[in-house]
Amino acid sequence: SAYAGSFAQVSAEYLHGTEHHNPLELF
């Protein structure tokens, strides 16, 4: 209800893919 009655509204989708740690030293 509060969102529907807001003076200004913003909606969006955000994505990020897989990331790996990759430290310099190997395990």
PDB file of all heavy atoms in Angstrom:
ATOM      1  N   SER A   1       0.837  -1.215   0.000  1.00  0.00           N
ATOM      2  CA  SER A   1       0.000   0.000   0.000  1.00  0.00           C
ATOM      3  C   SER A   1       0.865   1.256   0.000  1.00  0.00           C
ATOM      4  O   SER A   1       0.579   2.225  -0.718  1.00  0.00           O
ATOM      5  CB  SER A   1      -0.914   0.002   1.227  1.00  0.00           C
ATOM      6  OG  SER A   1      -1.815  -1.073   1.177  1.00  0.00           O
ATOM      7  N   ALA A   2       1.922   1.232   0.807  1.00  0.00           N
ATOM      8  CA  ALA A   2       2.795   2.399   0.896  1.00  0.00           C
ATOM      9  C   ALA A   2       3.508   2.646  -0.425  1.00  0.00           C
ATOM     10  O   ALA A   2       3.645   3.802  -0.868  1.00  0.00           O
ATOM     11  CB  ALA A   2       3.809   2.206   2.023  1.00  0.00           C
ATOM     12  N   TYR A   3       3.941   1.577  -1.076  1.00  0.00           N
ATOM     13  CA  TYR A   3       4.631   1.724  -2.366  1.00  0.00           C
ATOM     14  C   TYR A   3       3.674   2.249  -3.427  1.00  0.00           C
ATOM     15  O   TYR A   3       4.016   3.166  -4.198  1.00  0.00           O
ATOM     16  CB  TYR A   3       5.230   0.382  -2.785  1.00  0.00           C
ATOM     17  CG  TYR A   3       5.984   0.441  -4.096  1.00  0.00           C
ATOM     18  CD1 TYR A   3       7.230   1.068  -4.170  1.00  0.00           C
ATOM     19  CD2 TYR A   3       5.457  -0.121  -5.253  1.00  0.00           C
ATOM     20  CE1 TYR A   3       7.931   1.121  -5.374  1.00  0.00           C
ATOM     21  CE2 TYR A   3       6.145  -0.077  -6.456  1.00  0.00           C
ATOM     22  CZ  TYR A   3       7.382   0.550  -6.511  1.00  0.00           C
ATOM     23  OH  TYR A   3       8.076   0.607  -7.702  1.00  0.00           O
ATOM     24  N   ALA A   4       2.489   1.685  -3.456  1.00  0.00           N
ATOM     25  CA  ALA A   4       1.496   2.111  -4.459  1.00  0.00           C
ATOM     26  C   ALA A   4       1.139   3.588  -4.296  1.00  0.00           C
ATOM     27  O   ALA A   4       0.858   4.287  -5.281  1.00  0.00           O
ATOM     28  CB  ALA A   4       0.243   1.244  -4.343  1.00  0.00           C
ATOM     29  N   GLY A   5       1.167   4.091  -3.073  1.00  0.00           N
ATOM     30  CA  GLY A   5       0.807   5.481  -2.834  1.00  0.00           C
ATOM     31  C   GLY A   5       1.984   6.437  -2.802  1.00  0.00           C
ATOM     32  O   GLY A   5       1.813   7.616  -2.460  1.00  0.00           O
ATOM     33  N   SER A   6       3.174   5.961  -3.180  1.00  0.00           N
ATOM     34  CA  SER A   6       4.370   6.801  -3.111  1.00  0.00           C
ATOM     35  C   SER A   6       4.367   7.884  -4.187  1.00  0.00           C
ATOM     36  O   SER A   6       3.893   7.664  -5.312  1.00  0.00           O
ATOM     37  CB  SER A   6       5.627   5.944  -3.282  1.00  0.00           C
ATOM     38  OG  SER A   6       5.744   5.009  -2.246  1.00  0.00           O
ATOM     39  N   PHE A   7       4.932   9.026  -3.868  1.00  0.00           N
ATOM     40  CA  PHE A   7       5.101  10.116  -4.834  1.00  0.00           C
ATOM     41  C   PHE A   7       6.065   9.706  -5.939  1.00  0.00           C
ATOM     42  O   PHE A   7       5.841   9.975  -7.122  1.00  0.00           O
ATOM     43  CB  PHE A   7       5.616  11.360  -4.113  1.00  0.00           C
ATOM     44  CG  PHE A   7       5.992  12.485  -5.035  1.00  0.00           C
ATOM     45  CD1 PHE A   7       5.020  13.293  -5.613  1.00  0.00           C
ATOM     46  CD2 PHE A   7       7.338  12.727  -5.341  1.00  0.00           C
ATOM     47  CE1 PHE A   7       5.378  14.326  -6.481  1.00  0.00           C
ATOM     48  CE2 PHE A   7       7.695  13.752  -6.203  1.00  0.00           C
ATOM     49  CZ  PHE A   7       6.711  14.552  -6.782  1.00  0.00           C
ATOM     50  N   ALA A   8       7.170   9.052  -5.557  1.00  0.00           N
ATOM     51  CA  ALA A   8       8.169   8.582  -6.531  1.00  0.00           C
ATOM     52  C   ALA A   8       8.410   7.103  -6.305  1.00  0.00           C
ATOM     53  O   ALA A   8       8.550   6.654  -5.166  1.00  0.00           O
ATOM     54  CB  ALA A   8       9.469   9.362  -6.389  1.00  0.00           C
ATOM     55  N   GLN A   9       8.459   6.355  -7.412  1.00  0.00           N
ATOM     56  CA  GLN A   9       8.679   4.912  -7.331  1.00  0.00           C
ATOM     57  C   GLN A   9       9.838   4.516  -8.232  1.00  0.00           C
ATOM     58  O   GLN A   9       9.971   5.033  -9.342  1.00  0.00           O
ATOM     59  CB  GLN A   9       7.424   4.147  -7.776  1.00  0.00           C
ATOM     60  CG  GLN A   9       6.187   4.401  -6.940  1.00  0.00           C
ATOM     61  CD  GLN A   9       4.960   3.719  -7.527  1.00  0.00           C
ATOM     62  OE1 GLN A   9       4.957   3.326  -8.688  1.00  0.00           O
ATOM     63  NE2 GLN A   9       3.917   3.589  -6.721  1.00  0.00           N
ATOM     64  N   VAL A  10      10.652   3.582  -7.734  1.00  0.00           N
ATOM     65  CA  VAL A  10      11.737   3.010  -8.537  1.00  0.00           C
ATOM     66  C   VAL A  10      11.722   1.503  -8.327  1.00  0.00           C
ATOM     67  O   VAL A  10      11.666   1.026  -7.183  1.00  0.00           O
ATOM     68  CB  VAL A  10      13.115   3.575  -8.139  1.00  0.00           C
ATOM     69  CG1 VAL A  10      14.229   2.794  -8.826  1.00  0.00           C
ATOM     70  CG2 VAL A  10      13.216   5.050  -8.494  1.00  0.00           C
ATOM     71  N   SER A  11      11.744   0.755  -9.403  1.00  0.00           N
ATOM     72  CA  SER A  11      11.873  -0.699  -9.321  1.00  0.00           C
ATOM     73  C   SER A  11      12.911  -1.140 -10.344  1.00  0.00           C
ATOM     74  O   SER A  11      13.013  -0.557 -11.428  1.00  0.00           O
ATOM     75  CB  SER A  11      10.533  -1.392  -9.580  1.00  0.00           C
ATOM     76  OG  SER A  11      10.093  -1.145 -10.898  1.00  0.00           O
ATOM     77  N   ALA A  12      13.686  -2.159  -9.996  1.00  0.00           N
ATOM     78  CA  ALA A  12      14.740  -2.595 -10.903  1.00  0.00           C
ATOM     79  C   ALA A  12      15.163  -4.017 -10.565  1.00  0.00           C
ATOM     80  O   ALA A  12      14.909  -4.529  -9.469  1.00  0.00           O
ATOM     81  CB  ALA A  12      15.947  -1.660 -10.817  1.00  0.00           C
ATOM     82  N   GLU A  13      15.821  -4.655 -11.535  1.00  0.00           N
ATOM     83  CA  GLU A  13      16.406  -5.985 -11.351  1.00  0.00           C
ATOM     84  C   GLU A  13      17.920  -5.865 -11.456  1.00  0.00           C
ATOM     85  O   GLU A  13      18.444  -5.115 -12.289  1.00  0.00           O
ATOM     86  CB  GLU A  13      15.890  -6.951 -12.426  1.00  0.00           C
ATOM     87  CG  GLU A  13      16.451  -8.364 -12.285  1.00  0.00           C
ATOM     88  CD  GLU A  13      15.928  -9.310 -13.355  1.00  0.00           C
ATOM     89  OE1 GLU A  13      16.354  -9.164 -14.525  1.00  0.00           O
ATOM     90  OE2 GLU A  13      15.121 -10.188 -13.020  1.00  0.00           O
ATOM     91  N   TYR A  14      18.635  -6.615 -10.614  1.00  0.00           N
ATOM     92  CA  TYR A  14      20.096  -6.570 -10.583  1.00  0.00           C
ATOM     93  C   TYR A  14      20.643  -7.993 -10.641  1.00  0.00           C
ATOM     94  O   TYR A  14      20.109  -8.899  -9.987  1.00  0.00           O
ATOM     95  CB  TYR A  14      20.598  -5.880  -9.307  1.00  0.00           C
ATOM     96  CG  TYR A  14      20.144  -4.439  -9.210  1.00  0.00           C
ATOM     97  CD1 TYR A  14      18.905  -4.118  -8.669  1.00  0.00           C
ATOM     98  CD2 TYR A  14      20.936  -3.411  -9.699  1.00  0.00           C
ATOM     99  CE1 TYR A  14      18.467  -2.811  -8.603  1.00  0.00           C
ATOM    100  CE2 TYR A  14      20.509  -2.094  -9.640  1.00  0.00           C
ATOM    101  CZ  TYR A  14      19.277  -1.797  -9.096  1.00  0.00           C
ATOM    102  OH  TYR A  14      18.856  -0.496  -9.050  1.00  0.00           O
ATOM    103  N   LEU A  15      21.693  -8.166 -11.426  1.00  0.00           N
ATOM    104  CA  LEU A  15      22.271  -9.496 -11.588  1.00  0.00           C
ATOM    105  C   LEU A  15      23.790  -9.447 -11.489  1.00  0.00           C
ATOM    106  O   LEU A  15      24.416  -8.487 -11.935  1.00  0.00           O
ATOM    107  CB  LEU A  15      21.888 -10.093 -12.952  1.00  0.00           C
ATOM    108  CG  LEU A  15      20.411 -10.227 -13.309  1.00  0.00           C
ATOM    109  CD1 LEU A  15      19.962  -9.040 -14.154  1.00  0.00           C
ATOM    110  CD2 LEU A  15      20.170 -11.526 -14.064  1.00  0.00           C
ATOM    111  N   HIS A  16      24.339 -10.483 -10.899  1.00  0.00           N
ATOM    112  CA  HIS A  16      25.774 -10.727 -11.066  1.00  0.00           C
ATOM    113  C   HIS A  16      25.998 -12.226 -11.127  1.00  0.00           C
ATOM    114  O   HIS A  16      25.246 -13.017 -10.542  1.00  0.00           O
ATOM    115  CB  HIS A  16      26.618 -10.068  -9.959  1.00  0.00           C
ATOM    116  CG  HIS A  16      26.646 -10.808  -8.659  1.00  0.00           C
ATOM    117  ND1 HIS A  16      27.348 -11.973  -8.478  1.00  0.00           N
ATOM    118  CD2 HIS A  16      26.075 -10.551  -7.471  1.00  0.00           C
ATOM    119  CE1 HIS A  16      27.211 -12.394  -7.233  1.00  0.00           C
ATOM    120  NE2 HIS A  16      26.420 -11.555  -6.607  1.00  0.00           N
ATOM    121  N   GLY A  17      27.018 -12.611 -11.872  1.00  0.00           N
ATOM    122  CA  GLY A  17      27.288 -14.028 -12.084  1.00  0.00           C
ATOM    123  C   GLY A  17      28.224 -14.603 -11.032  1.00  0.00           C
ATOM    124  O   GLY A  17      28.440 -14.023  -9.967  1.00  0.00           O
ATOM    125  N   THR A  18      28.785 -15.751 -11.345  1.00  0.00           N
ATOM    126  CA  THR A  18      29.699 -16.444 -10.445  1.00  0.00           C
ATOM    127  C   THR A  18      31.047 -15.741 -10.418  1.00  0.00           C
ATOM    128  O   THR A  18      31.532 -15.266 -11.439  1.00  0.00           O
ATOM    129  CB  THR A  18      29.890 -17.897 -10.922  1.00  0.00           C
ATOM    130  OG1 THR A  18      28.617 -18.522 -11.020  1.00  0.00           O
ATOM    131  CG2 THR A  18      30.774 -18.681  -9.973  1.00  0.00           C
ATOM    132  N   GLU A  19      31.648 -15.667  -9.236  1.00  0.00           N
ATOM    133  CA  GLU A  19      33.009 -15.153  -9.090  1.00  0.00           C
ATOM    134  C   GLU A  19      33.811 -16.141  -8.248  1.00  0.00           C
ATOM    135  O   GLU A  19      33.275 -16.740  -7.309  1.00  0.00           O
ATOM    136  CB  GLU A  19      33.012 -13.784  -8.400  1.00  0.00           C
ATOM    137  CG  GLU A  19      32.243 -12.704  -9.147  1.00  0.00           C
ATOM    138  CD  GLU A  19      32.056 -11.450  -8.297  1.00  0.00           C
ATOM    139  OE1 GLU A  19      32.731 -11.312  -7.267  1.00  0.00           O
ATOM    140  OE2 GLU A  19      31.200 -10.620  -8.652  1.00  0.00           O
ATOM    141  N   HIS A  20      35.082 -16.302  -8.569  1.00  0.00           N
ATOM    142  CA  HIS A  20      35.966 -17.176  -7.793  1.00  0.00           C
ATOM    143  C   HIS A  20      37.073 -16.362  -7.123  1.00  0.00           C
ATOM    144  O   HIS A  20      37.528 -15.352  -7.656  1.00  0.00           O
ATOM    145  CB  HIS A  20      36.565 -18.266  -8.677  1.00  0.00           C
ATOM    146  CG  HIS A  20      35.634 -19.432  -8.887  1.00  0.00           C
ATOM    147  ND1 HIS A  20      34.655 -19.431  -9.851  1.00  0.00           N
ATOM    148  CD2 HIS A  20      35.520 -20.623  -8.232  1.00  0.00           C
ATOM    149  CE1 HIS A  20      33.980 -20.581  -9.793  1.00  0.00           C
ATOM    150  NE2 HIS A  20      34.484 -21.313  -8.816  1.00  0.00           N
ATOM    151  N   HIS A  21      37.517 -16.851  -5.973  1.00  0.00           N
ATOM    152  CA  HIS A  21      38.427 -16.100  -5.105  1.00  0.00           C
ATOM    153  C   HIS A  21      39.787 -15.826  -5.743  1.00  0.00           C
ATOM    154  O   HIS A  21      40.327 -14.724  -5.652  1.00  0.00           O
ATOM    155  CB  HIS A  21      38.652 -16.860  -3.795  1.00  0.00           C
ATOM    156  CG  HIS A  21      37.403 -17.157  -3.029  1.00  0.00           C
ATOM    157  ND1 HIS A  21      36.479 -18.115  -3.438  1.00  0.00           N
ATOM    158  CD2 HIS A  21      36.911 -16.645  -1.878  1.00  0.00           C
ATOM    159  CE1 HIS A  21      35.490 -18.172  -2.564  1.00  0.00           C
ATOM    160  NE2 HIS A  21      35.718 -17.291  -1.603  1.00  0.00           N
ATOM    161  N   ASN A  22      40.381 -16.846  -6.318  1.00  0.00           N
ATOM    162  CA  ASN A  22      41.665 -16.732  -7.003  1.00  0.00           C
ATOM    163  C   ASN A  22      42.758 -15.986  -6.235  1.00  0.00           C
ATOM    164  O   ASN A  22      43.351 -15.027  -6.738  1.00  0.00           O
ATOM    165  CB  ASN A  22      41.473 -16.082  -8.380  1.00  0.00           C
ATOM    166  CG  ASN A  22      41.048 -17.103  -9.425  1.00  0.00           C
ATOM    167  OD1 ASN A  22      41.676 -18.147  -9.568  1.00  0.00           O
ATOM    168  ND2 ASN A  22      39.974 -16.824 -10.124  1.00  0.00           N
ATOM    169  N   PRO A  23      43.075 -16.404  -5.010  1.00  0.00           N
ATOM    170  CA  PRO A  23      44.253 -15.831  -4.346  1.00  0.00           C
ATOM    171  C   PRO A  23      45.518 -16.218  -5.106  1.00  0.00           C
ATOM    172  O   PRO A  23      45.520 -17.201  -5.861  1.00  0.00           O
ATOM    173  CB  PRO A  23      44.225 -16.483  -2.959  1.00  0.00           C
ATOM    174  CG  PRO A  23      43.506 -17.777  -3.180  1.00  0.00           C
ATOM    175  CD  PRO A  23      42.459 -17.482  -4.227  1.00  0.00           C
ATOM    176  N   LEU A  24      46.572 -15.464  -4.900  1.00  0.00           N
ATOM    177  CA  LEU A  24      47.824 -15.743  -5.611  1.00  0.00           C
ATOM    178  C   LEU A  24      48.374 -17.114  -5.249  1.00  0.00           C
ATOM    179  O   LEU A  24      48.791 -17.888  -6.115  1.00  0.00           O
ATOM    180  CB  LEU A  24      48.855 -14.654  -5.276  1.00  0.00           C
ATOM    181  CG  LEU A  24      50.191 -14.742  -6.019  1.00  0.00           C
ATOM    182  CD1 LEU A  24      49.981 -14.598  -7.521  1.00  0.00           C
ATOM    183  CD2 LEU A  24      51.138 -13.654  -5.525  1.00  0.00           C
ATOM    184  N   GLU A  25      48.375 -17.446  -3.955  1.00  0.00           N
ATOM    185  CA  GLU A  25      48.893 -18.746  -3.515  1.00  0.00           C
ATOM    186  C   GLU A  25      47.883 -19.841  -3.809  1.00  0.00           C
ATOM    187  O   GLU A  25      46.721 -19.756  -3.435  1.00  0.00           O
ATOM    188  CB  GLU A  25      49.189 -18.715  -2.012  1.00  0.00           C
ATOM    189  CG  GLU A  25      49.754 -20.028  -1.486  1.00  0.00           C
ATOM    190  CD  GLU A  25      49.668 -20.154   0.029  1.00  0.00           C
ATOM    191  OE1 GLU A  25      49.014 -19.312   0.676  1.00  0.00           O
ATOM    192  OE2 GLU A  25      50.234 -21.119   0.561  1.00  0.00           O
ATOM    193  N   LEU A  26      48.341 -20.903  -4.457  1.00  0.00           N
ATOM    194  CA  LEU A  26      47.493 -22.055  -4.717  1.00  0.00           C
ATOM    195  C   LEU A  26      47.259 -22.825  -3.420  1.00  0.00           C
ATOM    196  O   LEU A  26      48.089 -22.794  -2.504  1.00  0.00           O
ATOM    197  CB  LEU A  26      48.156 -22.972  -5.743  1.00  0.00           C
ATOM    198  CG  LEU A  26      48.426 -22.347  -7.120  1.00  0.00           C
ATOM    199  CD1 LEU A  26      49.317 -23.255  -7.955  1.00  0.00           C
ATOM    200  CD2 LEU A  26      47.125 -22.061  -7.853  1.00  0.00           C
ATOM    201  N   PHE A  27      46.148 -23.535  -3.352  1.00  0.00           N
ATOM    202  CA  PHE A  27      45.889 -24.344  -2.165  1.00  0.00           C
ATOM    203  C   PHE A  27      46.833 -25.539  -2.140  1.00  0.00           C
ATOM    204  O   PHE A  27      46.962 -26.271  -3.124  1.00  0.00           O
ATOM    205  CB  PHE A  27      44.431 -24.803  -2.126  1.00  0.00           C
ATOM    206  CG  PHE A  27      43.551 -23.847  -1.396  1.00  0.00           C
ATOM    207  CD1 PHE A  27      43.024 -22.738  -2.038  1.00  0.00           C
ATOM    208  CD2 PHE A  27      43.283 -24.015  -0.054  1.00  0.00           C
ATOM    209  CE1 PHE A  27      42.230 -21.830  -1.361  1.00  0.00           C
ATOM    210  CE2 PHE A  27      42.493 -23.106   0.640  1.00  0.00           C
ATOM    211  CZ  PHE A  27      41.968 -22.016  -0.015  1.00  0.00           C
TER     212      PHE A  27
END
